[in-house]
Amino acid sequence: MADLFPHSEPEIIPGRKLTASVTGLYLAARRDFVTEAVDSLDLGFDGIAGDFHTGITRRSGGREPWYPRRTEIRNERQLSIVAADELAIVAERMGIAEVRPEWIGANLLLEGIPMLSKLPAGTLLFFKGGVAVKIDAQNGPCRLAGRAVAERAGMPDVEAGALLFPKAAKRLRGLVAWVEKPGRISVGEEISVRVPEQWIYRP
């Protein structure tokens, strides 16, 4: 009988549970991605109420070169999630005092998850108040966010800072996610994190 599985099976890493907490919430209520601190956020199936990135769908851009620009696609980038320890590393690499979540359009600042930006796609965040959010992918750093950082940090060469940010923030820029179960989340809220089973697909 022919071997139905000629390739070696990948190593499978079991799923696990972690705990975290919300230390900051931010809303982009203006016509710009830069956010401002708030005490709570109301989330619907279309994302954060009143936020710059709200919507069931969005227009494609440079992150999706396989589509013509401004093609309407599903909005898997409803929320931007970051961690303070990773932003501190980015700031050190850029030679500035800090990178604030607001400057790069973050909506959630979380604490308690090691290597937040490396959580795999499909990870679920269950907030104590009932909201559930699903991670889609890492949030790739771009020059637009880099310019916002350089300007607000007072870097003498804003253009150089804008170019430096994508390199300094690679795999440290946090995550993008979408709302699986709507509701309200608040600063200080506890989160149960469910990391899915993982494997490397090498056919």
N, C-alpha and C. Protein backbone atom coordinates (compact mmCIF):
# COMPACT_ATOMS: atom_id res chain seq x y z
N MET A 1 0.84 -1.19 0.00
CA MET A 1 0.00 0.00 0.00
C MET A 1 0.89 1.25 0.00
N ALA A 2 0.56 2.17 -0.90
CA ALA A 2 1.37 3.39 -1.00
C ALA A 2 1.29 4.19 0.30
N ASP A 3 2.38 4.87 0.60
CA ASP A 3 2.42 5.70 1.79
C ASP A 3 1.56 6.95 1.55
N LEU A 4 0.48 7.06 2.32
CA LEU A 4 -0.42 8.18 2.13
C LEU A 4 0.15 9.48 2.68
N PHE A 5 1.16 9.35 3.55
CA PHE A 5 1.77 10.53 4.16
C PHE A 5 3.29 10.46 3.97
N PRO A 6 3.78 10.76 2.75
CA PRO A 6 5.21 10.63 2.46
C PRO A 6 6.08 11.63 3.19
N HIS A 7 5.49 12.70 3.69
CA HIS A 7 6.29 13.72 4.37
C HIS A 7 6.25 13.51 5.89
N SER A 8 7.31 13.90 6.54
CA SER A 8 7.36 13.75 7.99
C SER A 8 6.36 14.70 8.64
N GLU A 9 5.76 14.26 9.70
CA GLU A 9 4.79 15.09 10.41
C GLU A 9 5.49 16.22 11.15
N PRO A 10 4.90 17.40 11.18
CA PRO A 10 5.53 18.51 11.90
C PRO A 10 5.44 18.31 13.41
N GLU A 11 6.35 18.95 14.11
CA GLU A 11 6.26 18.96 15.56
C GLU A 11 5.03 19.76 15.97
N ILE A 12 4.24 19.19 16.85
CA ILE A 12 3.02 19.85 17.30
C ILE A 12 3.21 20.32 18.74
N ILE A 13 3.01 21.61 18.95
CA ILE A 13 3.13 22.20 20.27
C ILE A 13 1.74 22.40 20.84
N PRO A 14 1.45 21.78 21.99
CA PRO A 14 0.10 21.89 22.54
C PRO A 14 -0.30 23.33 22.86
N GLY A 15 -1.59 23.59 22.84
CA GLY A 15 -2.10 24.89 23.25
C GLY A 15 -1.89 25.10 24.74
N ARG A 16 -2.04 26.33 25.18
CA ARG A 16 -1.86 26.63 26.60
C ARG A 16 -2.69 27.85 26.98
N LYS A 17 -2.81 28.08 28.27
CA LYS A 17 -3.55 29.23 28.78
C LYS A 17 -2.62 30.16 29.53
N LEU A 18 -2.84 31.45 29.35
CA LEU A 18 -2.09 32.48 30.06
C LEU A 18 -3.09 33.46 30.67
N THR A 19 -2.60 34.32 31.53
CA THR A 19 -3.43 35.38 32.08
C THR A 19 -2.76 36.72 31.83
N ALA A 20 -3.57 37.75 31.68
CA ALA A 20 -3.05 39.08 31.42
C ALA A 20 -4.02 40.10 32.00
N SER A 21 -3.67 41.37 31.85
CA SER A 21 -4.56 42.43 32.30
C SER A 21 -4.44 43.63 31.37
N VAL A 22 -5.48 44.45 31.36
CA VAL A 22 -5.51 45.66 30.54
C VAL A 22 -4.94 46.81 31.35
N THR A 23 -3.86 47.40 30.89
CA THR A 23 -3.26 48.53 31.61
C THR A 23 -3.50 49.85 30.89
N GLY A 24 -4.04 49.81 29.69
CA GLY A 24 -4.35 51.04 28.97
C GLY A 24 -5.30 50.78 27.83
N LEU A 25 -6.22 51.73 27.60
CA LEU A 25 -7.15 51.66 26.48
C LEU A 25 -7.10 53.00 25.74
N TYR A 26 -7.22 52.92 24.41
CA TYR A 26 -7.03 54.11 23.59
C TYR A 26 -7.99 54.11 22.41
N LEU A 27 -8.43 55.30 22.04
CA LEU A 27 -9.41 55.46 20.97
C LEU A 27 -8.92 56.50 19.96
N ALA A 28 -9.04 56.17 18.69
CA ALA A 28 -8.74 57.13 17.62
C ALA A 28 -10.06 57.74 17.17
N ALA A 29 -10.48 58.78 17.86
CA ALA A 29 -11.81 59.37 17.61
C ALA A 29 -11.77 60.43 16.52
N ARG A 30 -10.59 60.80 16.05
CA ARG A 30 -10.47 61.81 15.01
C ARG A 30 -10.19 61.15 13.66
N ARG A 31 -9.94 61.96 12.65
CA ARG A 31 -9.66 61.43 11.32
C ARG A 31 -8.18 61.11 11.18
N ASP A 32 -7.68 60.33 12.11
CA ASP A 32 -6.27 60.01 12.17
C ASP A 32 -6.11 58.73 12.99
N PHE A 33 -5.03 57.98 12.73
CA PHE A 33 -4.83 56.72 13.45
C PHE A 33 -4.32 56.92 14.87
N VAL A 34 -3.77 58.11 15.18
CA VAL A 34 -3.24 58.37 16.52
C VAL A 34 -4.39 58.33 17.53
N THR A 35 -4.15 57.68 18.67
CA THR A 35 -5.21 57.47 19.66
C THR A 35 -5.04 58.34 20.90
N GLU A 36 -6.07 58.35 21.73
CA GLU A 36 -6.05 59.05 23.01
C GLU A 36 -6.55 58.11 24.10
N ALA A 37 -6.01 58.25 25.30
CA ALA A 37 -6.36 57.36 26.41
C ALA A 37 -7.82 57.54 26.83
N VAL A 38 -8.48 56.42 27.11
CA VAL A 38 -9.86 56.40 27.62
C VAL A 38 -9.95 55.36 28.73
N ASP A 39 -11.04 55.38 29.49
CA ASP A 39 -11.21 54.43 30.59
C ASP A 39 -11.84 53.12 30.14
N SER A 40 -12.61 53.17 29.04
CA SER A 40 -13.27 51.96 28.56
C SER A 40 -13.50 52.07 27.06
N LEU A 41 -13.75 50.93 26.42
CA LEU A 41 -14.05 50.87 24.99
C LEU A 41 -15.28 49.99 24.78
N ASP A 42 -16.18 50.44 23.91
CA ASP A 42 -17.33 49.63 23.52
C ASP A 42 -17.03 48.97 22.19
N LEU A 43 -17.09 47.63 22.19
CA LEU A 43 -16.74 46.86 21.01
C LEU A 43 -17.98 46.19 20.41
N GLY A 44 -18.12 46.31 19.10
CA GLY A 44 -19.16 45.61 18.36
C GLY A 44 -18.52 44.68 17.35
N PHE A 45 -19.34 44.03 16.55
CA PHE A 45 -18.79 43.15 15.53
C PHE A 45 -18.00 43.94 14.48
N ASP A 46 -18.22 45.24 14.42
CA ASP A 46 -17.48 46.08 13.48
C ASP A 46 -16.26 46.73 14.12
N GLY A 47 -15.94 46.37 15.35
CA GLY A 47 -14.76 46.91 16.00
C GLY A 47 -15.10 47.87 17.13
N ILE A 48 -14.25 48.86 17.35
CA ILE A 48 -14.43 49.82 18.43
C ILE A 48 -15.34 50.95 17.98
N ALA A 49 -16.38 51.20 18.75
CA ALA A 49 -17.33 52.26 18.40
C ALA A 49 -16.62 53.61 18.31
N GLY A 50 -16.76 54.27 17.16
CA GLY A 50 -16.20 55.59 16.98
C GLY A 50 -14.73 55.65 16.65
N ASP A 51 -14.08 54.51 16.46
CA ASP A 51 -12.64 54.48 16.20
C ASP A 51 -12.33 54.63 14.71
N PHE A 52 -11.14 55.11 14.44
CA PHE A 52 -10.66 55.31 13.06
C PHE A 52 -10.71 54.01 12.25
N HIS A 53 -10.49 52.88 12.91
CA HIS A 53 -10.43 51.59 12.20
C HIS A 53 -11.72 50.77 12.30
N THR A 54 -12.80 51.39 12.75
CA THR A 54 -14.07 50.67 12.85
C THR A 54 -14.54 50.23 11.47
N GLY A 55 -15.13 49.03 11.41
CA GLY A 55 -15.73 48.57 10.16
C GLY A 55 -15.68 47.06 10.02
N ILE A 56 -16.71 46.50 9.42
CA ILE A 56 -16.70 45.08 9.09
C ILE A 56 -15.71 44.82 7.97
N THR A 57 -15.59 45.78 7.06
CA THR A 57 -14.64 45.68 5.96
C THR A 57 -13.72 46.89 5.99
N ARG A 58 -12.67 46.82 5.18
CA ARG A 58 -11.72 47.93 5.04
C ARG A 58 -11.18 47.91 3.63
N ARG A 59 -10.40 48.94 3.28
CA ARG A 59 -9.77 49.02 1.97
C ARG A 59 -8.35 48.50 2.05
N SER A 60 -7.96 47.69 1.08
CA SER A 60 -6.60 47.13 1.07
C SER A 60 -5.58 48.23 0.80
N GLY A 61 -4.33 47.95 1.24
CA GLY A 61 -3.24 48.90 1.04
C GLY A 61 -1.95 48.19 0.73
N GLY A 62 -0.85 48.78 1.15
CA GLY A 62 0.46 48.21 0.86
C GLY A 62 0.72 46.88 1.53
N ARG A 63 -0.02 46.56 2.59
CA ARG A 63 0.16 45.28 3.28
C ARG A 63 -0.44 44.12 2.49
N GLU A 64 -1.26 44.42 1.51
CA GLU A 64 -1.94 43.38 0.70
C GLU A 64 -1.63 43.58 -0.78
N PRO A 65 -0.37 43.36 -1.20
CA PRO A 65 0.00 43.63 -2.59
C PRO A 65 -0.68 42.71 -3.60
N TRP A 66 -1.32 41.65 -3.12
CA TRP A 66 -2.00 40.72 -4.02
C TRP A 66 -3.35 41.26 -4.50
N TYR A 67 -3.81 42.40 -3.94
CA TYR A 67 -5.03 43.06 -4.39
C TYR A 67 -4.68 44.44 -4.95
N PRO A 68 -5.46 44.93 -5.91
CA PRO A 68 -5.32 46.35 -6.28
C PRO A 68 -5.63 47.21 -5.06
N ARG A 69 -4.91 48.31 -4.91
CA ARG A 69 -5.12 49.18 -3.75
C ARG A 69 -6.57 49.64 -3.67
N ARG A 70 -7.05 49.68 -2.43
CA ARG A 70 -8.41 50.11 -2.09
C ARG A 70 -9.47 49.09 -2.47
N THR A 71 -9.05 47.83 -2.63
CA THR A 71 -10.02 46.75 -2.78
C THR A 71 -10.72 46.53 -1.45
N GLU A 72 -12.03 46.37 -1.46
CA GLU A 72 -12.75 46.14 -0.21
C GLU A 72 -12.53 44.70 0.27
N ILE A 73 -12.01 44.55 1.48
CA ILE A 73 -11.74 43.24 2.07
C ILE A 73 -12.24 43.23 3.52
N ARG A 74 -12.29 42.04 4.11
CA ARG A 74 -12.70 41.93 5.51
C ARG A 74 -11.71 42.67 6.41
N ASN A 75 -12.25 43.33 7.42
CA ASN A 75 -11.41 44.09 8.34
C ASN A 75 -10.97 43.21 9.50
N GLU A 76 -9.77 42.67 9.39
CA GLU A 76 -9.18 41.86 10.46
C GLU A 76 -8.26 42.71 11.33
N ARG A 77 -8.25 44.03 11.08
CA ARG A 77 -7.38 44.96 11.80
C ARG A 77 -8.21 45.93 12.63
N GLN A 78 -9.26 45.44 13.28
CA GLN A 78 -10.15 46.31 14.05
C GLN A 78 -9.47 46.86 15.30
N LEU A 79 -8.55 46.09 15.87
CA LEU A 79 -7.88 46.50 17.10
C LEU A 79 -6.37 46.34 16.96
N SER A 80 -5.65 47.27 17.57
CA SER A 80 -4.19 47.20 17.66
C SER A 80 -3.81 47.00 19.12
N ILE A 81 -2.99 45.97 19.38
CA ILE A 81 -2.65 45.58 20.75
C ILE A 81 -1.14 45.63 20.92
N VAL A 82 -0.67 46.27 22.01
CA VAL A 82 0.76 46.39 22.26
C VAL A 82 1.11 46.07 23.71
N ALA A 83 2.41 45.95 23.97
CA ALA A 83 2.92 45.68 25.32
C ALA A 83 3.99 46.71 25.67
N ALA A 84 4.00 47.18 26.91
CA ALA A 84 4.94 48.23 27.34
C ALA A 84 6.39 47.78 27.23
N ASP A 85 6.67 46.52 27.58
CA ASP A 85 8.07 46.07 27.55
C ASP A 85 8.62 46.05 26.13
N GLU A 86 7.78 45.72 25.16
CA GLU A 86 8.24 45.72 23.77
C GLU A 86 8.43 47.15 23.25
N LEU A 87 7.54 48.05 23.63
CA LEU A 87 7.69 49.45 23.20
C LEU A 87 8.95 50.06 23.80
N ALA A 88 9.32 49.63 24.99
CA ALA A 88 10.54 50.13 25.62
C ALA A 88 11.78 49.70 24.83
N ILE A 89 11.75 48.49 24.29
CA ILE A 89 12.86 48.02 23.46
C ILE A 89 12.96 48.83 22.19
N VAL A 90 11.81 49.12 21.58
CA VAL A 90 11.78 49.92 20.35
C VAL A 90 12.36 51.31 20.63
N ALA A 91 11.96 51.92 21.74
CA ALA A 91 12.47 53.24 22.09
C ALA A 91 13.98 53.23 22.27
N GLU A 92 14.48 52.20 22.94
CA GLU A 92 15.93 52.09 23.15
C GLU A 92 16.66 51.98 21.82
N ARG A 93 16.11 51.18 20.92
CA ARG A 93 16.74 51.00 19.60
C ARG A 93 16.73 52.30 18.79
N MET A 94 15.74 53.14 19.04
CA MET A 94 15.63 54.40 18.29
C MET A 94 16.36 55.54 18.99
N GLY A 95 16.86 55.28 20.21
CA GLY A 95 17.57 56.31 20.93
C GLY A 95 16.68 57.41 21.47
N ILE A 96 15.45 57.07 21.82
CA ILE A 96 14.52 58.05 22.39
C ILE A 96 14.03 57.56 23.75
N ALA A 97 13.42 58.46 24.51
CA ALA A 97 13.03 58.13 25.89
C ALA A 97 11.89 57.13 25.95
N GLU A 98 10.94 57.21 25.01
CA GLU A 98 9.77 56.34 25.06
C GLU A 98 9.07 56.29 23.72
N VAL A 99 8.27 55.25 23.56
CA VAL A 99 7.30 55.16 22.46
C VAL A 99 5.95 54.91 23.13
N ARG A 100 5.08 55.88 23.07
CA ARG A 100 3.78 55.74 23.71
C ARG A 100 2.80 54.99 22.81
N PRO A 101 1.92 54.20 23.41
CA PRO A 101 0.93 53.46 22.61
C PRO A 101 0.12 54.37 21.68
N GLU A 102 -0.23 55.57 22.17
CA GLU A 102 -1.05 56.49 21.39
C GLU A 102 -0.37 56.88 20.08
N TRP A 103 0.95 57.05 20.12
CA TRP A 103 1.67 57.55 18.95
C TRP A 103 1.55 56.61 17.76
N ILE A 104 1.43 55.30 18.03
CA ILE A 104 1.38 54.34 16.93
C ILE A 104 -0.03 53.75 16.75
N GLY A 105 -1.02 54.43 17.32
CA GLY A 105 -2.40 54.04 17.08
C GLY A 105 -2.86 52.80 17.81
N ALA A 106 -2.23 52.48 18.94
CA ALA A 106 -2.65 51.30 19.69
C ALA A 106 -3.99 51.54 20.37
N ASN A 107 -4.76 50.47 20.52
CA ASN A 107 -6.04 50.52 21.23
C ASN A 107 -5.98 49.87 22.61
N LEU A 108 -5.14 48.83 22.73
CA LEU A 108 -5.03 48.10 23.99
C LEU A 108 -3.56 47.97 24.38
N LEU A 109 -3.28 48.29 25.64
CA LEU A 109 -1.96 48.05 26.22
C LEU A 109 -2.14 46.94 27.25
N LEU A 110 -1.47 45.80 27.03
CA LEU A 110 -1.65 44.63 27.89
C LEU A 110 -0.38 44.36 28.69
N GLU A 111 -0.58 43.72 29.83
CA GLU A 111 0.53 43.34 30.70
C GLU A 111 0.37 41.88 31.10
N GLY A 112 1.50 41.16 31.17
CA GLY A 112 1.46 39.79 31.66
C GLY A 112 1.68 38.72 30.62
N ILE A 113 1.79 39.11 29.33
CA ILE A 113 2.00 38.13 28.27
C ILE A 113 3.43 38.23 27.77
N PRO A 114 4.27 37.23 28.02
CA PRO A 114 5.63 37.28 27.50
C PRO A 114 5.63 37.30 25.97
N MET A 115 6.47 38.13 25.37
CA MET A 115 6.60 38.20 23.92
C MET A 115 5.24 38.35 23.24
N LEU A 116 4.51 39.34 23.64
CA LEU A 116 3.16 39.56 23.12
C LEU A 116 3.08 39.52 21.60
N SER A 117 4.02 40.19 20.94
CA SER A 117 3.96 40.28 19.49
C SER A 117 4.12 38.94 18.78
N LYS A 118 4.57 37.94 19.51
CA LYS A 118 4.79 36.62 18.90
C LYS A 118 3.66 35.64 19.21
N LEU A 119 2.58 36.12 19.82
CA LEU A 119 1.42 35.24 19.97
C LEU A 119 0.94 34.81 18.59
N PRO A 120 0.59 33.54 18.41
CA PRO A 120 0.20 33.07 17.08
C PRO A 120 -1.21 33.52 16.70
N ALA A 121 -1.43 33.56 15.40
CA ALA A 121 -2.77 33.83 14.89
C ALA A 121 -3.74 32.80 15.45
N GLY A 122 -4.93 33.24 15.76
CA GLY A 122 -5.93 32.35 16.33
C GLY A 122 -6.00 32.38 17.83
N THR A 123 -5.03 33.04 18.48
CA THR A 123 -5.08 33.18 19.93
C THR A 123 -6.34 33.97 20.32
N LEU A 124 -7.02 33.51 21.36
CA LEU A 124 -8.24 34.16 21.83
C LEU A 124 -7.99 34.87 23.15
N LEU A 125 -8.49 36.08 23.26
CA LEU A 125 -8.43 36.85 24.50
C LEU A 125 -9.84 36.95 25.06
N PHE A 126 -10.05 36.35 26.23
CA PHE A 126 -11.35 36.38 26.89
C PHE A 126 -11.29 37.38 28.05
N PHE A 127 -11.98 38.50 27.90
CA PHE A 127 -12.01 39.53 28.93
C PHE A 127 -13.03 39.17 30.00
N LYS A 128 -12.70 39.52 31.25
CA LYS A 128 -13.55 39.11 32.37
C LYS A 128 -14.99 39.59 32.22
N GLY A 129 -15.17 40.74 31.58
CA GLY A 129 -16.51 41.28 31.40
C GLY A 129 -17.33 40.62 30.32
N GLY A 130 -16.72 39.68 29.57
CA GLY A 130 -17.47 38.92 28.57
C GLY A 130 -17.03 39.10 27.14
N VAL A 131 -16.22 40.11 26.85
CA VAL A 131 -15.75 40.34 25.49
C VAL A 131 -14.73 39.27 25.09
N ALA A 132 -14.75 38.89 23.81
CA ALA A 132 -13.74 37.97 23.27
C ALA A 132 -13.16 38.58 22.00
N VAL A 133 -11.84 38.52 21.88
CA VAL A 133 -11.12 39.08 20.75
C VAL A 133 -10.20 38.00 20.19
N LYS A 134 -10.12 37.91 18.86
CA LYS A 134 -9.25 36.91 18.24
C LYS A 134 -8.09 37.60 17.52
N ILE A 135 -6.87 37.09 17.77
CA ILE A 135 -5.67 37.63 17.14
C ILE A 135 -5.60 37.19 15.68
N ASP A 136 -5.33 38.14 14.80
CA ASP A 136 -5.16 37.80 13.39
C ASP A 136 -3.69 37.62 13.02
N ALA A 137 -2.85 38.59 13.40
CA ALA A 137 -1.44 38.53 12.98
C ALA A 137 -0.63 39.59 13.70
N GLN A 138 0.69 39.55 13.47
CA GLN A 138 1.54 40.64 13.93
C GLN A 138 1.19 41.90 13.16
N ASN A 139 1.39 43.03 13.79
CA ASN A 139 1.16 44.32 13.16
C ASN A 139 2.49 44.83 12.63
N GLY A 140 2.68 44.75 11.35
CA GLY A 140 3.95 45.16 10.76
C GLY A 140 4.18 46.65 10.90
N PRO A 141 5.34 47.08 11.41
CA PRO A 141 5.62 48.51 11.57
C PRO A 141 5.81 49.20 10.22
N CYS A 142 5.35 50.44 10.14
CA CYS A 142 5.43 51.18 8.88
C CYS A 142 6.00 52.58 9.12
N ARG A 143 6.32 53.27 8.04
CA ARG A 143 6.91 54.61 8.12
C ARG A 143 5.91 55.62 8.63
N LEU A 144 4.62 55.41 8.36
CA LEU A 144 3.61 56.36 8.83
C LEU A 144 3.62 56.44 10.36
N ALA A 145 3.61 55.27 11.01
CA ALA A 145 3.71 55.25 12.47
C ALA A 145 5.06 55.77 12.92
N GLY A 146 6.11 55.43 12.16
CA GLY A 146 7.44 55.91 12.49
C GLY A 146 7.54 57.42 12.48
N ARG A 147 6.86 58.06 11.53
CA ARG A 147 6.87 59.52 11.48
C ARG A 147 6.17 60.11 12.70
N ALA A 148 5.06 59.49 13.10
CA ALA A 148 4.34 59.96 14.29
C ALA A 148 5.22 59.85 15.53
N VAL A 149 5.96 58.75 15.64
CA VAL A 149 6.87 58.57 16.77
C VAL A 149 7.98 59.62 16.74
N ALA A 150 8.60 59.79 15.59
CA ALA A 150 9.72 60.72 15.46
C ALA A 150 9.29 62.15 15.79
N GLU A 151 8.12 62.55 15.32
CA GLU A 151 7.64 63.91 15.57
C GLU A 151 7.35 64.12 17.05
N ARG A 152 6.65 63.18 17.66
CA ARG A 152 6.23 63.35 19.06
C ARG A 152 7.38 63.15 20.04
N ALA A 153 8.39 62.39 19.63
CA ALA A 153 9.56 62.20 20.48
C ALA A 153 10.56 63.34 20.33
N GLY A 154 10.30 64.22 19.38
CA GLY A 154 11.20 65.36 19.17
C GLY A 154 12.53 64.99 18.54
N MET A 155 12.53 63.96 17.68
CA MET A 155 13.77 63.57 17.01
C MET A 155 14.20 64.68 16.06
N PRO A 156 15.48 65.01 16.03
CA PRO A 156 15.94 66.12 15.18
C PRO A 156 15.75 65.86 13.69
N ASP A 157 15.83 64.60 13.28
CA ASP A 157 15.63 64.24 11.87
C ASP A 157 14.40 63.34 11.80
N VAL A 158 13.26 63.94 11.52
CA VAL A 158 11.99 63.20 11.52
C VAL A 158 11.98 62.12 10.44
N GLU A 159 12.50 62.43 9.27
CA GLU A 159 12.49 61.46 8.18
C GLU A 159 13.36 60.25 8.52
N ALA A 160 14.51 60.49 9.13
CA ALA A 160 15.38 59.38 9.55
C ALA A 160 14.68 58.54 10.60
N GLY A 161 13.97 59.19 11.53
CA GLY A 161 13.21 58.45 12.54
C GLY A 161 12.11 57.62 11.95
N ALA A 162 11.44 58.17 10.94
CA ALA A 162 10.37 57.43 10.26
C ALA A 162 10.91 56.17 9.59
N LEU A 163 12.09 56.28 9.03
CA LEU A 163 12.73 55.13 8.37
C LEU A 163 13.28 54.13 9.37
N LEU A 164 13.71 54.63 10.53
CA LEU A 164 14.30 53.76 11.54
C LEU A 164 13.24 52.91 12.24
N PHE A 165 12.06 53.45 12.43
CA PHE A 165 11.02 52.75 13.19
C PHE A 165 10.70 51.35 12.65
N PRO A 166 10.48 51.15 11.36
CA PRO A 166 10.17 49.80 10.88
C PRO A 166 11.24 48.77 11.21
N LYS A 167 12.50 49.20 11.25
CA LYS A 167 13.59 48.28 11.60
C LYS A 167 13.62 48.04 13.11
N ALA A 168 13.49 49.12 13.88
CA ALA A 168 13.56 49.00 15.34
C ALA A 168 12.38 48.24 15.92
N ALA A 169 11.21 48.35 15.26
CA ALA A 169 9.99 47.74 15.80
C ALA A 169 9.63 46.41 15.16
N LYS A 170 10.51 45.87 14.33
CA LYS A 170 10.21 44.60 13.68
C LYS A 170 9.94 43.51 14.71
N ARG A 171 8.78 42.87 14.60
CA ARG A 171 8.31 41.81 15.51
C ARG A 171 8.12 42.30 16.95
N LEU A 172 8.02 43.61 17.13
CA LEU A 172 7.76 44.19 18.45
C LEU A 172 6.61 45.20 18.40
N ARG A 173 5.95 45.28 17.28
CA ARG A 173 4.93 46.31 17.03
C ARG A 173 3.56 45.92 17.58
N GLY A 174 3.48 44.71 18.13
CA GLY A 174 2.20 44.25 18.66
C GLY A 174 1.41 43.45 17.65
N LEU A 175 0.11 43.40 17.87
CA LEU A 175 -0.78 42.53 17.11
C LEU A 175 -1.99 43.28 16.61
N VAL A 176 -2.60 42.73 15.57
CA VAL A 176 -3.92 43.21 15.15
C VAL A 176 -4.92 42.09 15.42
N ALA A 177 -6.16 42.51 15.72
CA ALA A 177 -7.17 41.54 16.12
C ALA A 177 -8.55 42.02 15.70
N TRP A 178 -9.52 41.13 15.80
CA TRP A 178 -10.90 41.48 15.50
C TRP A 178 -11.82 40.96 16.60
N VAL A 179 -12.99 41.54 16.67
CA VAL A 179 -13.93 41.24 17.75
C VAL A 179 -14.73 39.99 17.43
N GLU A 180 -14.63 39.00 18.32
CA GLU A 180 -15.43 37.78 18.15
C GLU A 180 -16.73 37.85 18.97
N LYS A 181 -16.66 38.47 20.16
CA LYS A 181 -17.85 38.63 21.01
C LYS A 181 -17.86 40.05 21.55
N PRO A 182 -18.87 40.85 21.19
CA PRO A 182 -18.90 42.26 21.56
C PRO A 182 -19.16 42.51 23.04
N GLY A 183 -18.98 43.76 23.43
CA GLY A 183 -19.23 44.19 24.80
C GLY A 183 -18.33 45.36 25.15
N ARG A 184 -18.18 45.62 26.43
CA ARG A 184 -17.34 46.73 26.90
C ARG A 184 -16.14 46.18 27.65
N ILE A 185 -14.97 46.77 27.40
CA ILE A 185 -13.77 46.43 28.16
C ILE A 185 -13.29 47.68 28.90
N SER A 186 -12.65 47.47 30.05
CA SER A 186 -12.25 48.58 30.90
C SER A 186 -10.80 48.42 31.34
N VAL A 187 -10.17 49.53 31.66
CA VAL A 187 -8.80 49.51 32.19
C VAL A 187 -8.79 48.72 33.50
N GLY A 188 -7.79 47.85 33.65
CA GLY A 188 -7.67 47.03 34.84
C GLY A 188 -8.33 45.67 34.71
N GLU A 189 -9.04 45.45 33.63
CA GLU A 189 -9.78 44.19 33.46
C GLU A 189 -8.82 43.01 33.26
N GLU A 190 -9.19 41.87 33.82
CA GLU A 190 -8.40 40.65 33.67
C GLU A 190 -8.75 39.95 32.36
N ILE A 191 -7.76 39.23 31.81
CA ILE A 191 -7.94 38.53 30.54
C ILE A 191 -7.44 37.10 30.68
N SER A 192 -8.20 36.16 30.15
CA SER A 192 -7.75 34.78 30.00
C SER A 192 -7.33 34.58 28.55
N VAL A 193 -6.09 34.18 28.36
CA VAL A 193 -5.51 34.05 27.02
C VAL A 193 -5.40 32.57 26.66
N ARG A 194 -5.98 32.19 25.53
CA ARG A 194 -5.92 30.80 25.07
C ARG A 194 -5.09 30.73 23.79
N VAL A 195 -3.88 30.21 23.93
CA VAL A 195 -2.98 30.06 22.80
C VAL A 195 -3.30 28.72 22.12
N PRO A 196 -3.55 28.71 20.81
CA PRO A 196 -3.93 27.46 20.14
C PRO A 196 -2.75 26.52 19.93
N GLU A 197 -3.06 25.28 19.63
CA GLU A 197 -2.04 24.32 19.22
C GLU A 197 -1.29 24.87 18.01
N GLN A 198 0.02 24.68 17.99
CA GLN A 198 0.84 25.23 16.90
C GLN A 198 1.68 24.15 16.24
N TRP A 199 2.01 24.41 14.98
CA TRP A 199 2.92 23.53 14.24
C TRP A 199 3.50 24.32 13.07
N ILE A 200 4.63 23.84 12.53
CA ILE A 200 5.25 24.43 11.37
C ILE A 200 4.94 23.53 10.17
N TYR A 201 4.30 24.10 9.17
CA TYR A 201 3.87 23.34 8.00
C TYR A 201 5.02 23.26 6.99
N ARG A 202 5.60 22.07 6.87
CA ARG A 202 6.70 21.86 5.92
C ARG A 202 6.41 20.64 5.07
N PRO A 203 5.59 20.78 4.04
CA PRO A 203 5.23 19.62 3.21
C PRO A 203 6.42 19.12 2.39
